[in-house]
Amino acid sequence: MLEASDGTLIYLQNRGFVYRKDPDSGVPAGVGADPSTPYYFRITPAFRTPIGPHDWLTRTVILGVGKRHQNPDYTYFRYYAVL
């Protein structure tokens, strides 16, 4: 759940893929790949909101990119609306 600055609660569900990439080919690396190898981390969020100023999220195609943080408690997401 997210809470907008106006207090509206927004339900967010992310679905996607994350795997290590082979740095030379860009394709998934095998089991036991070097943990420092970059990740392919793409998501497609789905939102549920009440009717109002945030319901545009429910009818917009949005894609996201994730990034793992060194601290395993954190993951960064960046979202893009497809217009």
Protein backbone atom coordinates (compact mmCIF):
# COMPACT_ATOMS: atom_id res chain seq x y z
CA MET A 1 0.00 0.00 0.00
CA LEU A 2 1.07 3.52 -0.78
CA GLU A 3 -0.33 6.62 0.82
CA ALA A 4 -0.55 9.70 -1.40
CA SER A 5 0.14 13.15 0.03
CA ASP A 6 -3.63 13.75 0.20
CA GLY A 7 -4.10 10.62 2.33
CA THR A 8 -5.50 8.41 -0.47
CA LEU A 9 -4.49 4.76 -0.09
CA ILE A 10 -3.23 3.18 -3.32
CA TYR A 11 -2.75 -0.57 -3.66
CA LEU A 12 0.30 -1.50 -5.74
CA GLN A 13 1.23 -4.93 -7.05
CA ASN A 14 4.50 -5.36 -8.98
CA ARG A 15 5.08 -8.28 -11.31
CA GLY A 16 8.24 -8.77 -13.26
CA PHE A 17 11.54 -10.46 -13.84
CA VAL A 18 14.92 -10.24 -12.21
CA TYR A 19 18.00 -12.20 -13.17
CA ARG A 20 21.73 -11.71 -13.56
CA LYS A 21 22.90 -10.87 -17.06
CA ASP A 22 25.96 -12.25 -18.78
CA PRO A 23 27.89 -8.99 -19.31
CA ASP A 24 29.13 -10.04 -22.76
CA SER A 25 25.87 -11.19 -24.32
CA GLY A 26 23.14 -9.59 -22.21
CA VAL A 27 21.40 -12.95 -21.80
CA PRO A 28 20.73 -14.65 -18.46
CA ALA A 29 23.82 -16.02 -16.76
CA GLY A 30 23.89 -19.56 -15.44
CA VAL A 31 23.57 -20.75 -11.87
CA GLY A 32 26.45 -19.58 -9.73
CA ALA A 33 27.00 -16.41 -11.76
CA ASP A 34 29.22 -13.74 -10.27
CA PRO A 35 27.04 -11.70 -7.86
CA SER A 36 28.64 -8.46 -9.10
CA THR A 37 27.17 -9.09 -12.58
CA PRO A 38 24.45 -6.56 -13.45
CA TYR A 39 20.81 -7.51 -13.12
CA TYR A 40 17.98 -7.38 -15.62
CA PHE A 41 15.15 -6.13 -13.40
CA ARG A 42 11.92 -5.07 -15.11
CA ILE A 43 8.46 -4.73 -13.59
CA THR A 44 4.89 -3.97 -14.57
CA PRO A 45 2.95 -2.44 -11.69
CA ALA A 46 -0.82 -2.64 -11.30
CA PHE A 47 -2.64 -0.08 -9.19
CA ARG A 48 -6.02 -0.03 -7.44
CA THR A 49 -7.28 3.34 -6.32
CA PRO A 50 -10.62 4.87 -5.38
CA ILE A 51 -12.23 7.05 -8.04
CA GLY A 52 -10.63 10.46 -7.81
CA PRO A 53 -7.39 12.27 -8.58
CA HIS A 54 -5.25 9.11 -8.60
CA ASP A 55 -7.45 6.77 -10.68
CA TRP A 56 -5.45 7.62 -13.81
CA LEU A 57 -2.98 5.02 -12.48
CA THR A 58 -5.57 2.29 -13.11
CA ARG A 59 -5.88 3.09 -16.82
CA THR A 60 -2.27 3.90 -17.75
CA VAL A 61 0.36 1.46 -19.03
CA ILE A 62 3.31 1.78 -16.68
CA LEU A 63 6.66 -0.01 -16.86
CA GLY A 64 9.35 -0.07 -14.24
CA VAL A 65 13.03 -0.75 -13.67
CA GLY A 66 14.30 -2.11 -10.39
CA LYS A 67 17.71 -1.90 -8.77
CA ARG A 68 18.88 -3.94 -5.83
CA HIS A 69 20.49 -2.05 -2.99
CA GLN A 70 23.55 -3.34 -1.14
CA ASN A 71 21.39 -3.56 1.97
CA PRO A 72 18.98 -6.46 1.26
CA ASP A 73 16.15 -4.54 2.95
CA TYR A 74 15.98 -2.02 0.09
CA THR A 75 15.09 -2.13 -3.59
CA TYR A 76 14.75 0.94 -5.78
CA PHE A 77 12.05 1.21 -8.44
CA ARG A 78 11.73 3.77 -11.22
CA TYR A 79 8.43 3.90 -13.12
CA TYR A 80 7.61 5.19 -16.60
CA ALA A 81 4.14 5.90 -18.02
CA VAL A 82 3.84 4.79 -21.64
CA LEU A 83 2.07 7.55 -23.56
